[in-house]
Each structure stands twice: as structure tokens, then as C-alpha cells.
Amino acid sequence: MAATLSTLAYLVAAVLFILALRGLSHPETSRRGNLFGMVGMAIAILATLLRPGMATGGIGLIVLALAIGGGIGAYIATRIQMTALPQLVAAFHSLVGMAAVFVAAAAFYAPESFGIGHAGDIHGGSLVEMSLGLAIGAITFSGSVIAFAKLQALMSGAPITFKGQHWLNLGLGILLLVLVVAFVASGSAALFWAIAILSFALGFLLIIPIGGADMPVVVSMLNSYSGWAAAGIGFTLGNLLLIVTGALVGASGAILSYIMCKGMNRSIINVLLGGFGTDTSAAGAVAGAGGDRGPVKAGSPEDAAYIMKNAAKIIVVPGYGMAVAQAQQVLREMGDLLKKEGAQVEYAIHPVAGRMPGHMNVLLAEANVPYDDVKELEEINPEFAEADVAYVIGANDVTNPAAKTDKASPIYGMPILDVERAKTVFFVKRGMSSGYAGVDNELFFRPNTMMLFGDAKKVTQEIVQALQK
């Protein structure tokens, strides 16, 4: 009876997880999706604790671990800034990967507890599941740690490359497959740890050559890895819900990675092997220096306020610079003031704006920007030609016309927001430095563009003050 109830609870939890993924696909239903996910996880945990065979002492330790982990999670949730979500997601991915490594190690050294055989005589199928979970988990852990370090600026966001890097990764990948086959055939402890060490190294080597421009895809890809690692844990534990959940996360992460790559006109293989991007911490060119591209027009917040106050339609284009400056609240305030003046205000979101999928949507939602005002690339692009003003705040590569005209550019072919078609473009930026792709933005030098140099939040605040006069 208990086993039947546990299975039924797992089925309910799986359905709730599917509904959660569906809900998270749109900002208007994201809160409900999160609620479905939380309820599903609570049911799954309770059903697992009540499964037949769970020892009383074991349950006590699990409850203690849940209390510690839940307490840490609650503390982080109340302290984390929305701008730090990308690195938080990367950090959480690393924990899932390490959990897979720990479970694989526990199963290898105590197979009786998992019902997969005895020490030195583990079932062949279990060895396959164990080795795959171990390898994927270790790659997920080390790769996520590097992603976290890049996003947190603990290391350079620029690609770290060296001669023969791709051939080294290919060789290590082939060696890893050979070690897995050998481990399944022998069950050797030495081969188990060789797989772990090699996988940790491979995860590190896969992520270090990836630059900031590709980071949204990397975060999505690591999310997929963490799902497959969880599925591997499920096979080792014999837990059907963990297998289903891991497969859902893995598959949805892979689909999202594909969508992100499509938004950049690149392939997953191209991202993993290309690794373009530069470290934008270096100071850019002096404000107003147009070089041989022509003059650059620099304006003031008062100029922008005057023009926007007389505009009928304004499209705001947020980017990672807005996130860094934490300007989303004052940006919404500016939008509200312009609406009171009778203007139509919309927000244009590029699929890879920010450092993780949906980064800009989350920040705008935090600032209570109406969902109906937020438009995706395909929906908003035809409207730029009708806009009196495009207000670009912290975005760069996703607005660069070179993606459509310069075949030699590393971003050529990437779908961009057609900002240059607006009558007037205000570009908020600290200087003239390039974006993460390492190429100058042609939009800076267009005759209808006016640069507003300075901190994104401060510039927008000054525009708000000018609008209130």
C-alpha cells in the first residue's frame, strides 16, 4: 500500500513539474509555474521519506540535511540581488553536479545499500549508469564553477585559449569514453577516480574558452547538464521521479540552448569551440572619439527628456549594463512619466540580452513593468520604424547593425534589434568600448544616434528629474 501511494505521489509531482515548466515559459504565468514546482518538490520529498525501506535513523539525517540546506537557501533567497541571479544559477548547477558525483561514489563503495550488487561485484548496467552520472556530474560541477567565476568577475570574462586546445579537448573526450568502457568491464576503483578527475578537468577546459557574449548559452547548457546528471542519480538510486525530473530539466535546457543559439545565429558546437568575447573591464575609447568612422554626437539627460517628452512612441532596449547599474526601478519610473505625457512605451528584449536566459524579463518584472509592455525580438522589430525614440540602456552587441552588414564581423548573421530604424536613438553607456563580442558598435556613429555617457542609473534618474520639471 505504501509503495502504491509513493508511486502515485511521484506521478502527481511529475505532472506538477511539467506544469511548472509550462508556466515558466511566459512572464504572466511564471509565478504560478514556480508555485507548481515548489508544491511538486514538497510532494516528492515527502513521498521519498515515506517510501518502504527508509530507516528511521536515515530519515532523521535526511530531515536534518533538509533543514540545513533549506535554511541556507532561504537566507540566500532573501539576500541575493536580482543582478546576481546568473552566477547564483551557475553555483546551483555546480551543486547538482557534485551531488551526482557523491551519489556515484556512495553507490560504488556501498552497492548493497542501493541494491545493485556487492563490493567488487556490481551489476554491469549499474556500472554504466554510475559512470555516466559520475562523468556528467563532474563536468557540470567544474564547468559551473568556471561560469560562476566569470560571471562574478573572479576571473576574466574573456576567452582563455591556447594552441591545440580543441584537439586536447577532443583527445580527453575520447579518453573519457575509453575509461568508461574499461570501468564497466572491470569495476576498478582506480578507473572510477580516473573518470572523476578527467571529467573535472574536461568541464574546466570546456568553459574557459567561452567569452561573455556566449554566457547566456553556457548557463542554459549547464542547466541541461545538471538535469542529465540528476537523471543519472535517479538511475543509480532506482528513483523513477528523479529520472523523469532530470530528463525534463535536461531536455528543456537543451531546447532552450538551441533557442538561444538560434537567437545568436550560432550552433552549440560553434559556441563550445568558438569562444568569442572580450573583457569589457578595460577602459573604452574616450567618449566622443569617433575615429575614422565619423563624429559621435553626445547629448545630455535634459536633451533626452525634452525629445522624449514630445515623442508619441518610445521603445526601451535594456541590456546587461542596466542590470549592473540596477537601473530597472528608475527605468520603470521614467516609463510611467512618459505614459502620463501620452506616449506609448514598450520594452524590447533580445533572446541573449544579459547573462542568462530571461535575465531582462526577470529584472523588468522585479520593477513591476507591465508584462504587456515587454516584447520579444520578432514581435518588436517591425515597430522600430514607427518609434520616435529608442532608448538603449546597457545593451550593445544585440543592437549592432554590423551583424547585418559586415561579413567579417564575428556577430555577422546574429539577429539583432532594429534600433537604428527609430527616428532618434539614445544610447546610454559609460564610454565607447566594444561589447562582449569585441567589435565596435556601428550604431554609435549613426546620424540619428545621441550618446548619453555615464552610469545607466544616474543618467536615467536625471532624465526622470528633467521630465518632472
Protein backbone atom coordinates (compact mmCIF):
# COMPACT_ATOMS: atom_id res chain seq x y z
CA MET A 1 0.00 0.00 0.00
CA ALA A 2 2.80 2.43 0.96
CA ALA A 3 4.64 1.67 -2.28
CA THR A 4 1.50 2.36 -4.31
CA LEU A 5 0.89 5.68 -2.55
CA SER A 6 4.52 6.65 -3.07
CA THR A 7 4.29 5.89 -6.79
CA LEU A 8 1.04 7.86 -7.06
CA ALA A 9 2.62 10.81 -5.26
CA TYR A 10 5.57 10.66 -7.66
CA LEU A 11 3.15 10.77 -10.59
CA VAL A 12 1.40 13.84 -9.16
CA ALA A 13 4.79 15.51 -8.57
CA ALA A 14 5.90 14.76 -12.14
CA VAL A 15 2.72 16.33 -13.53
CA LEU A 16 3.29 19.42 -11.36
CA PHE A 17 6.87 19.70 -12.66
CA ILE A 18 5.59 19.63 -16.24
CA LEU A 19 3.03 22.32 -15.38
CA ALA A 20 5.84 24.32 -13.75
CA LEU A 21 7.89 24.25 -16.95
CA ARG A 22 4.84 25.32 -18.92
CA GLY A 23 4.17 28.16 -16.52
CA LEU A 24 7.75 29.38 -16.62
CA SER A 25 7.53 29.78 -20.39
CA HIS A 26 5.76 33.15 -20.05
CA PRO A 27 6.18 36.03 -17.55
CA GLU A 28 2.44 36.22 -16.81
CA THR A 29 2.33 32.60 -15.65
CA SER A 30 5.82 32.35 -14.16
CA ARG A 31 4.70 32.86 -10.56
CA ARG A 32 2.13 30.08 -10.92
CA GLY A 33 4.79 27.90 -12.55
CA ASN A 34 7.11 28.45 -9.60
CA LEU A 35 4.30 27.54 -7.22
CA PHE A 36 3.60 24.30 -9.10
CA GLY A 37 7.30 23.46 -8.95
CA MET A 38 7.53 24.09 -5.20
CA VAL A 39 4.41 22.05 -4.43
CA GLY A 40 5.66 19.23 -6.67
CA MET A 41 9.03 19.20 -4.91
CA ALA A 42 7.38 19.15 -1.47
CA ILE A 43 5.25 16.16 -2.52
CA ALA A 44 8.30 14.40 -3.97
CA ILE A 45 10.34 14.87 -0.79
CA LEU A 46 7.51 13.69 1.45
CA ALA A 47 6.84 10.66 -0.77
CA THR A 48 10.53 9.75 -0.70
CA LEU A 49 10.69 9.96 3.10
CA LEU A 50 7.66 7.64 3.34
CA ARG A 51 8.97 5.05 0.88
CA PRO A 52 9.18 1.48 2.22
CA GLY A 53 12.64 0.59 3.48
CA MET A 54 13.58 4.07 4.70
CA ALA A 55 15.30 3.56 8.04
CA THR A 56 14.26 5.75 10.97
CA GLY A 57 17.83 6.92 11.54
CA GLY A 58 18.22 7.67 7.86
CA ILE A 59 15.09 9.79 7.84
CA GLY A 60 16.43 11.79 10.77
CA LEU A 61 19.65 12.57 8.94
CA ILE A 62 17.74 13.50 5.79
CA VAL A 63 15.44 15.85 7.70
CA LEU A 64 18.50 17.45 9.32
CA ALA A 65 20.14 17.89 5.91
CA LEU A 66 16.90 19.38 4.53
CA ALA A 67 16.74 21.83 7.42
CA ILE A 68 20.34 22.94 6.89
CA GLY A 69 20.04 23.17 3.12
CA GLY A 70 16.63 24.83 3.28
CA GLY A 71 17.90 27.37 5.80
CA ILE A 72 20.86 28.25 3.60
CA GLY A 73 18.59 28.50 0.56
CA ALA A 74 16.12 30.76 2.39
CA TYR A 75 18.95 33.02 3.55
CA ILE A 76 20.36 33.31 0.03
CA ALA A 77 16.90 33.99 -1.40
CA THR A 78 16.41 36.95 0.93
CA ARG A 79 19.90 38.38 0.37
CA ILE A 80 20.60 37.84 -3.32
CA GLN A 81 20.37 40.79 -5.70
CA MET A 82 18.47 40.21 -8.93
CA THR A 83 21.58 41.28 -10.83
CA ALA A 84 23.46 38.35 -9.30
CA LEU A 85 20.98 35.69 -10.45
CA PRO A 86 23.16 34.38 -13.32
CA GLN A 87 26.07 33.49 -11.04
CA LEU A 88 23.65 32.08 -8.45
CA VAL A 89 22.16 29.79 -11.10
CA ALA A 90 25.66 28.67 -12.13
CA ALA A 91 26.54 27.97 -8.49
CA PHE A 92 23.39 25.89 -8.01
CA HIS A 93 24.19 23.91 -11.15
CA SER A 94 27.57 23.05 -9.65
CA LEU A 95 25.86 21.63 -6.54
CA VAL A 96 23.69 19.32 -8.65
CA GLY A 97 26.82 18.09 -10.44
CA MET A 98 28.68 17.42 -7.21
CA ALA A 99 25.64 15.62 -5.79
CA ALA A 100 25.82 13.24 -8.75
CA VAL A 101 29.50 12.61 -8.04
CA PHE A 102 28.81 11.90 -4.35
CA VAL A 103 25.93 9.52 -5.12
CA ALA A 104 28.06 7.66 -7.67
CA ALA A 105 30.86 7.31 -5.09
CA ALA A 106 28.42 6.10 -2.42
CA ALA A 107 26.92 3.55 -4.80
CA PHE A 108 30.36 2.31 -5.84
CA TYR A 109 31.59 1.77 -2.28
CA ALA A 110 28.29 0.61 -0.76
CA PRO A 111 26.40 -1.15 -3.59
CA GLU A 112 24.38 -3.27 -1.14
CA SER A 113 22.61 -0.14 0.11
CA PHE A 114 21.48 0.60 -3.43
CA GLY A 115 20.52 -2.94 -4.35
CA ILE A 116 22.96 -3.06 -7.27
CA GLY A 117 25.18 -5.90 -6.15
CA HIS A 118 28.13 -6.28 -3.77
CA ALA A 119 31.53 -4.64 -3.45
CA GLY A 120 33.65 -5.94 -6.32
CA ASP A 121 30.59 -7.47 -8.00
CA ILE A 122 28.33 -4.61 -9.12
CA HIS A 123 25.80 -5.24 -11.89
CA GLY A 124 27.09 -4.23 -15.33
CA GLY A 125 24.11 -1.99 -16.10
CA SER A 126 24.58 -0.19 -12.78
CA LEU A 127 28.24 0.43 -13.62
CA VAL A 128 27.18 2.06 -16.90
CA GLU A 129 24.65 4.31 -15.11
CA MET A 130 27.16 5.10 -12.37
CA SER A 131 29.97 6.05 -14.72
CA LEU A 132 27.73 8.27 -16.87
CA GLY A 133 26.28 10.03 -13.82
CA LEU A 134 29.80 10.47 -12.45
CA ALA A 135 31.19 11.91 -15.69
CA ILE A 136 28.27 14.27 -16.40
CA GLY A 137 28.14 15.38 -12.76
CA ALA A 138 31.88 16.14 -12.60
CA ILE A 139 31.79 18.07 -15.91
CA THR A 140 28.75 20.01 -14.69
CA PHE A 141 30.46 20.87 -11.40
CA SER A 142 33.77 22.18 -12.73
CA GLY A 143 32.15 23.88 -15.73
CA SER A 144 29.63 25.64 -13.49
CA VAL A 145 32.38 26.77 -11.11
CA ILE A 146 34.22 28.41 -14.02
CA ALA A 147 30.97 30.01 -15.24
CA PHE A 148 30.34 31.34 -11.73
CA ALA A 149 33.88 32.75 -11.52
CA LYS A 150 33.50 34.52 -14.88
CA LEU A 151 30.07 35.93 -14.02
CA GLN A 152 31.22 37.05 -10.56
CA ALA A 153 34.32 38.69 -12.12
CA LEU A 154 36.60 36.45 -10.04
CA MET A 155 38.37 35.70 -13.31
CA SER A 156 38.46 37.38 -16.68
CA GLY A 157 35.32 37.12 -18.77
CA ALA A 158 37.48 36.98 -21.90
CA PRO A 159 38.04 33.62 -23.63
CA ILE A 160 41.12 31.78 -22.36
CA THR A 161 42.57 29.92 -25.32
CA PHE A 162 45.82 28.23 -26.24
CA LYS A 163 47.24 26.42 -29.22
CA GLY A 164 45.87 22.93 -29.74
CA GLN A 165 43.04 23.47 -27.25
CA HIS A 166 40.33 21.86 -29.38
CA TRP A 167 42.47 18.83 -30.15
CA LEU A 168 43.23 18.45 -26.44
CA ASN A 169 39.52 18.53 -25.56
CA LEU A 170 38.77 16.01 -28.30
CA GLY A 171 41.52 13.72 -27.07
CA LEU A 172 40.32 13.94 -23.47
CA GLY A 173 36.75 13.23 -24.58
CA ILE A 174 37.85 10.07 -26.40
CA LEU A 175 39.99 9.04 -23.41
CA LEU A 176 36.97 9.52 -21.13
CA LEU A 177 34.89 7.15 -23.27
CA VAL A 178 37.70 4.58 -23.17
CA LEU A 179 37.91 4.85 -19.37
CA VAL A 180 34.14 4.40 -19.03
CA VAL A 181 34.23 1.23 -21.16
CA ALA A 182 37.19 -0.09 -19.16
CA PHE A 183 35.48 0.73 -15.86
CA VAL A 184 32.27 -1.06 -16.86
CA ALA A 185 34.34 -4.10 -17.83
CA SER A 186 36.47 -4.20 -14.66
CA GLY A 187 34.74 -2.23 -11.90
CA SER A 188 38.15 -0.87 -10.86
CA ALA A 189 38.28 1.81 -8.16
CA ALA A 190 41.30 3.37 -9.86
CA LEU A 191 39.34 3.77 -13.09
CA PHE A 192 36.37 5.22 -11.16
CA TRP A 193 38.52 8.05 -9.81
CA ALA A 194 40.32 8.45 -13.13
CA ILE A 195 36.92 9.12 -14.74
CA ALA A 196 36.11 11.65 -12.00
CA ILE A 197 39.42 13.53 -12.29
CA LEU A 198 39.34 13.57 -16.10
CA SER A 199 35.72 14.80 -16.11
CA PHE A 200 36.52 17.60 -13.66
CA ALA A 201 39.37 18.68 -15.96
CA LEU A 202 37.21 18.44 -19.08
CA GLY A 203 34.47 20.63 -17.57
CA PHE A 204 37.10 23.24 -16.74
CA LEU A 205 38.61 23.13 -20.23
CA LEU A 206 35.22 23.31 -21.97
CA ILE A 207 34.16 26.55 -20.29
CA ILE A 208 37.37 28.63 -20.04
CA PRO A 209 37.46 29.41 -23.80
CA ILE A 210 33.90 30.74 -23.79
CA GLY A 211 33.57 34.52 -23.69
CA GLY A 212 30.95 36.81 -22.20
CA ALA A 213 28.91 37.05 -25.40
CA ASP A 214 28.15 33.33 -25.21
CA MET A 215 27.49 33.20 -21.46
CA PRO A 216 23.66 33.01 -21.74
CA VAL A 217 24.05 29.86 -23.84
CA VAL A 218 26.58 28.44 -21.38
CA VAL A 219 24.22 28.95 -18.42
CA SER A 220 21.43 27.24 -20.37
CA MET A 221 23.73 24.41 -21.44
CA LEU A 222 24.94 23.81 -17.87
CA ASN A 223 21.30 23.71 -16.80
CA SER A 224 20.81 20.88 -19.27
CA TYR A 225 23.91 19.09 -17.96
CA SER A 226 22.63 19.35 -14.39
CA GLY A 227 19.37 17.74 -15.49
CA TRP A 228 21.10 14.77 -17.10
CA ALA A 229 23.32 14.46 -14.02
CA ALA A 230 20.17 14.30 -11.86
CA ALA A 231 18.73 11.64 -14.18
CA GLY A 232 21.94 9.66 -13.73
CA ILE A 233 21.48 9.89 -9.96
CA GLY A 234 17.92 8.62 -10.43
CA PHE A 235 19.10 5.51 -12.25
CA THR A 236 21.68 4.80 -9.54
CA LEU A 237 19.11 5.27 -6.77
CA GLY A 238 16.37 3.48 -8.66
CA ASN A 239 14.16 6.56 -8.24
CA LEU A 240 11.76 6.99 -11.16
CA LEU A 241 10.77 10.54 -10.24
CA LEU A 242 14.40 11.69 -10.23
CA ILE A 243 14.87 10.11 -13.64
CA VAL A 244 11.78 11.86 -15.03
CA THR A 245 12.63 15.19 -13.41
CA GLY A 246 16.24 15.06 -14.57
CA ALA A 247 15.14 14.23 -18.10
CA LEU A 248 12.68 17.15 -18.07
CA VAL A 249 15.38 19.59 -16.94
CA GLY A 250 17.94 18.13 -19.32
CA ALA A 251 15.64 18.20 -22.33
CA SER A 252 14.21 21.66 -21.59
CA GLY A 253 17.73 23.02 -21.04
CA ALA A 254 18.87 21.56 -24.35
CA ILE A 255 15.86 23.08 -26.15
CA LEU A 256 16.49 26.45 -24.52
CA SER A 257 20.15 26.27 -25.54
CA TYR A 258 19.02 25.66 -29.11
CA ILE A 259 16.68 28.66 -28.95
CA MET A 260 19.47 30.83 -27.55
CA CYS A 261 21.88 29.72 -30.24
CA LYS A 262 19.25 30.44 -32.88
CA GLY A 263 18.95 33.92 -31.39
CA MET A 264 22.69 34.34 -31.97
CA ASN A 265 22.71 32.56 -35.34
CA ARG A 266 25.22 30.06 -33.98
CA SER A 267 25.34 26.34 -33.24
CA ILE A 268 26.09 24.65 -29.92
CA ILE A 269 29.29 23.24 -31.43
CA ASN A 270 30.25 26.74 -32.60
CA VAL A 271 29.73 28.10 -29.08
CA LEU A 272 31.78 25.34 -27.48
CA LEU A 273 34.60 25.60 -29.99
CA GLY A 274 34.43 29.29 -30.92
CA GLY A 275 34.53 31.17 -27.66
CA PHE A 276 34.45 34.76 -28.90
CA GLY A 277 34.27 37.66 -26.46
CA THR A 278 36.44 40.19 -24.73
CA ASP A 279 36.94 41.50 -21.26
CA THR A 280 34.98 44.72 -21.08
CA SER A 281 36.60 45.82 -17.85
CA ALA A 282 39.23 47.64 -19.80
CA ALA A 283 38.51 51.26 -20.40
CA GLY A 284 36.96 52.04 -23.73
CA ALA A 285 37.84 54.79 -26.11
CA VAL A 286 37.45 58.35 -24.94
CA ALA A 287 33.82 59.49 -25.03
CA GLY A 288 33.05 61.24 -28.25
CA ALA A 289 36.03 59.88 -30.15
CA GLY A 290 34.69 58.64 -33.44
CA GLY A 291 37.99 57.82 -35.08
CA ASP A 292 37.72 57.30 -38.85
CA ARG A 293 34.07 56.29 -38.58
CA GLY A 294 32.93 59.88 -38.28
CA PRO A 295 31.80 62.11 -35.43
CA VAL A 296 29.84 60.89 -32.43
CA LYS A 297 27.04 63.05 -31.04
CA ALA A 298 26.98 63.29 -27.27
CA GLY A 299 23.93 64.69 -25.51
CA SER A 300 22.66 65.35 -22.01
CA PRO A 301 19.80 63.83 -20.00
CA GLU A 302 17.97 67.15 -20.41
CA ASP A 303 18.20 66.80 -24.21
CA ALA A 304 16.82 63.28 -24.00
CA ALA A 305 14.00 64.33 -21.67
CA TYR A 306 12.93 67.15 -24.00
CA ILE A 307 12.79 64.89 -27.06
CA MET A 308 11.07 62.01 -25.25
CA LYS A 309 8.52 64.37 -23.71
CA ASN A 310 7.41 65.24 -27.25
CA ALA A 311 7.54 61.67 -28.57
CA ALA A 312 4.49 59.55 -29.34
CA LYS A 313 6.20 56.16 -29.24
CA ILE A 314 9.29 55.12 -27.26
CA ILE A 315 10.95 51.70 -27.26
CA VAL A 316 13.32 50.89 -24.39
CA VAL A 317 16.10 48.36 -25.06
CA PRO A 318 17.59 47.02 -21.78
CA GLY A 319 20.88 45.12 -21.57
CA TYR A 320 23.38 43.84 -19.04
CA GLY A 321 24.56 47.40 -18.33
CA MET A 322 21.11 48.11 -16.88
CA ALA A 323 21.48 45.08 -14.63
CA VAL A 324 24.93 46.13 -13.40
CA ALA A 325 23.70 49.67 -12.63
CA GLN A 326 20.48 48.28 -11.07
CA ALA A 327 18.55 50.83 -13.09
CA GLN A 328 15.35 48.82 -13.65
CA GLN A 329 13.31 50.65 -10.99
CA VAL A 330 14.14 54.15 -12.20
CA LEU A 331 13.63 52.94 -15.78
CA ARG A 332 10.07 51.94 -14.94
CA GLU A 333 9.59 55.33 -13.25
CA MET A 334 10.72 57.02 -16.46
CA GLY A 335 8.30 54.89 -18.47
CA ASP A 336 5.40 55.79 -16.16
CA LEU A 337 6.14 59.51 -16.51
CA LEU A 338 6.27 59.25 -20.29
CA LYS A 339 2.96 57.39 -20.33
CA LYS A 340 1.41 60.24 -18.33
CA GLU A 341 2.61 62.55 -21.10
CA GLY A 342 0.61 60.43 -23.56
CA ALA A 343 3.49 58.40 -25.04
CA GLN A 344 3.34 54.69 -25.85
CA VAL A 345 6.24 52.95 -24.05
CA GLU A 346 7.38 49.41 -24.86
CA TYR A 347 10.40 47.30 -23.90
CA ALA A 348 12.34 45.27 -26.46
CA ILE A 349 14.01 42.05 -25.27
CA HIS A 350 16.68 40.21 -27.24
CA PRO A 351 16.94 36.44 -26.52
CA VAL A 352 20.57 36.74 -25.36
CA ALA A 353 20.42 40.09 -23.57
CA GLY A 354 22.03 39.80 -20.15
CA ARG A 355 23.92 36.85 -18.71
CA MET A 356 21.25 34.17 -18.61
CA PRO A 357 18.04 33.30 -20.46
CA GLY A 358 15.24 35.63 -19.41
CA HIS A 359 17.58 37.90 -17.42
CA MET A 360 16.00 41.13 -18.64
CA ASN A 361 12.46 39.79 -18.20
CA VAL A 362 13.21 38.97 -14.55
CA LEU A 363 14.65 42.42 -13.85
CA LEU A 364 11.75 44.24 -15.50
CA ALA A 365 9.27 42.05 -13.64
CA GLU A 366 11.04 42.95 -10.38
CA ALA A 367 10.45 46.62 -11.24
CA ASN A 368 6.74 45.87 -11.92
CA VAL A 369 6.93 46.75 -15.59
CA PRO A 370 3.60 45.56 -17.12
CA TYR A 371 4.03 42.25 -18.94
CA ASP A 372 2.06 43.53 -21.92
CA ASP A 373 4.68 46.25 -22.49
CA VAL A 374 7.54 43.73 -22.80
CA LYS A 375 8.04 42.42 -26.34
CA GLU A 376 10.39 39.80 -27.80
CA LEU A 377 12.64 40.43 -30.81
CA GLU A 378 10.35 39.06 -33.54
CA GLU A 379 7.36 40.98 -32.20
CA ILE A 380 9.03 44.34 -31.60
CA ASN A 381 11.40 44.64 -34.58
CA PRO A 382 8.75 45.84 -37.10
CA GLU A 383 7.79 48.62 -34.66
CA PHE A 384 11.17 50.37 -34.52
CA ALA A 385 10.48 52.14 -37.82
CA GLU A 386 7.38 53.69 -36.20
CA ALA A 387 9.19 54.72 -33.00
CA ASP A 388 10.12 58.34 -32.34
CA VAL A 389 12.74 57.28 -29.77
CA ALA A 390 14.70 54.14 -28.99
CA TYR A 391 16.29 54.28 -25.52
CA VAL A 392 19.16 51.77 -25.36
CA ILE A 393 20.30 51.26 -21.77
CA GLY A 394 23.27 48.96 -21.33
CA ALA A 395 22.77 46.83 -24.46
CA ASN A 396 25.47 46.65 -27.13
CA ASP A 397 26.06 43.66 -29.41
CA VAL A 398 22.33 42.94 -29.73
CA THR A 399 21.82 46.36 -31.36
CA ASN A 400 24.91 46.41 -33.61
CA PRO A 401 24.00 46.85 -37.32
CA ALA A 402 27.31 45.19 -38.23
CA ALA A 403 25.53 41.89 -37.63
CA LYS A 404 23.60 42.57 -40.86
CA THR A 405 26.24 44.27 -42.98
CA ASP A 406 29.79 43.21 -42.05
CA LYS A 407 30.54 39.66 -43.19
CA ALA A 408 33.92 39.79 -41.46
CA SER A 409 32.33 40.55 -38.08
CA PRO A 410 32.15 37.72 -35.51
CA ILE A 411 28.49 38.60 -34.92
CA TYR A 412 27.53 38.59 -38.62
CA GLY A 413 24.21 36.84 -39.11
CA MET A 414 23.09 37.23 -35.50
CA PRO A 415 19.51 38.55 -35.36
CA ILE A 416 19.55 41.99 -33.75
CA LEU A 417 17.04 44.55 -32.56
CA ASP A 418 16.49 47.04 -35.40
CA VAL A 419 17.17 50.02 -33.15
CA GLU A 420 18.78 52.09 -35.92
CA ARG A 421 15.38 52.40 -37.66
CA ALA A 422 13.98 54.62 -34.91
CA LYS A 423 13.89 58.38 -35.61
CA THR A 424 16.16 59.12 -32.63
CA VAL A 425 18.34 56.67 -30.70
CA PHE A 426 19.60 57.49 -27.21
CA PHE A 427 22.44 55.16 -26.26
CA VAL A 428 23.30 55.12 -22.55
CA LYS A 429 26.87 53.93 -21.99
CA ARG A 430 29.91 54.77 -19.87
CA GLY A 431 32.22 55.06 -22.87
CA MET A 432 32.89 53.91 -26.41
CA SER A 433 34.17 50.45 -25.53
CA SER A 434 33.02 47.44 -27.53
CA GLY A 435 30.59 44.80 -26.32
CA TYR A 436 31.38 41.22 -25.29
CA ALA A 437 31.88 40.20 -28.90
CA GLY A 438 34.83 42.58 -29.10
CA VAL A 439 33.55 44.64 -32.05
CA ASP A 440 32.70 48.34 -32.26
CA ASN A 441 29.02 49.16 -32.48
CA GLU A 442 28.24 50.97 -35.74
CA LEU A 443 25.13 52.39 -34.12
CA PHE A 444 27.29 54.84 -32.11
CA PHE A 445 28.21 56.65 -35.31
CA ARG A 446 24.80 56.83 -36.98
CA PRO A 447 23.46 60.38 -37.55
CA ASN A 448 20.25 59.63 -35.61
CA THR A 449 22.15 58.37 -32.53
CA MET A 450 22.91 60.52 -29.50
CA MET A 451 25.25 59.06 -26.85
CA LEU A 452 24.40 59.66 -23.19
CA PHE A 453 27.67 58.94 -21.42
CA GLY A 454 27.55 57.94 -17.77
CA ASP A 455 26.19 55.40 -15.30
CA ALA A 456 22.91 53.97 -16.60
CA LYS A 457 21.03 54.53 -13.36
CA LYS A 458 22.31 58.06 -12.82
CA VAL A 459 21.59 59.12 -16.43
CA THR A 460 18.05 57.73 -16.24
CA GLN A 461 17.47 59.42 -12.87
CA GLU A 462 18.50 62.76 -14.38
CA ILE A 463 16.07 62.19 -17.26
CA VAL A 464 13.31 61.49 -14.74
CA GLN A 465 14.14 64.71 -12.88
CA ALA A 466 14.05 66.68 -16.14
CA LEU A 467 10.67 65.12 -17.08
CA GLN A 468 9.22 66.22 -13.73
CA LYS A 469 10.08 69.87 -14.25
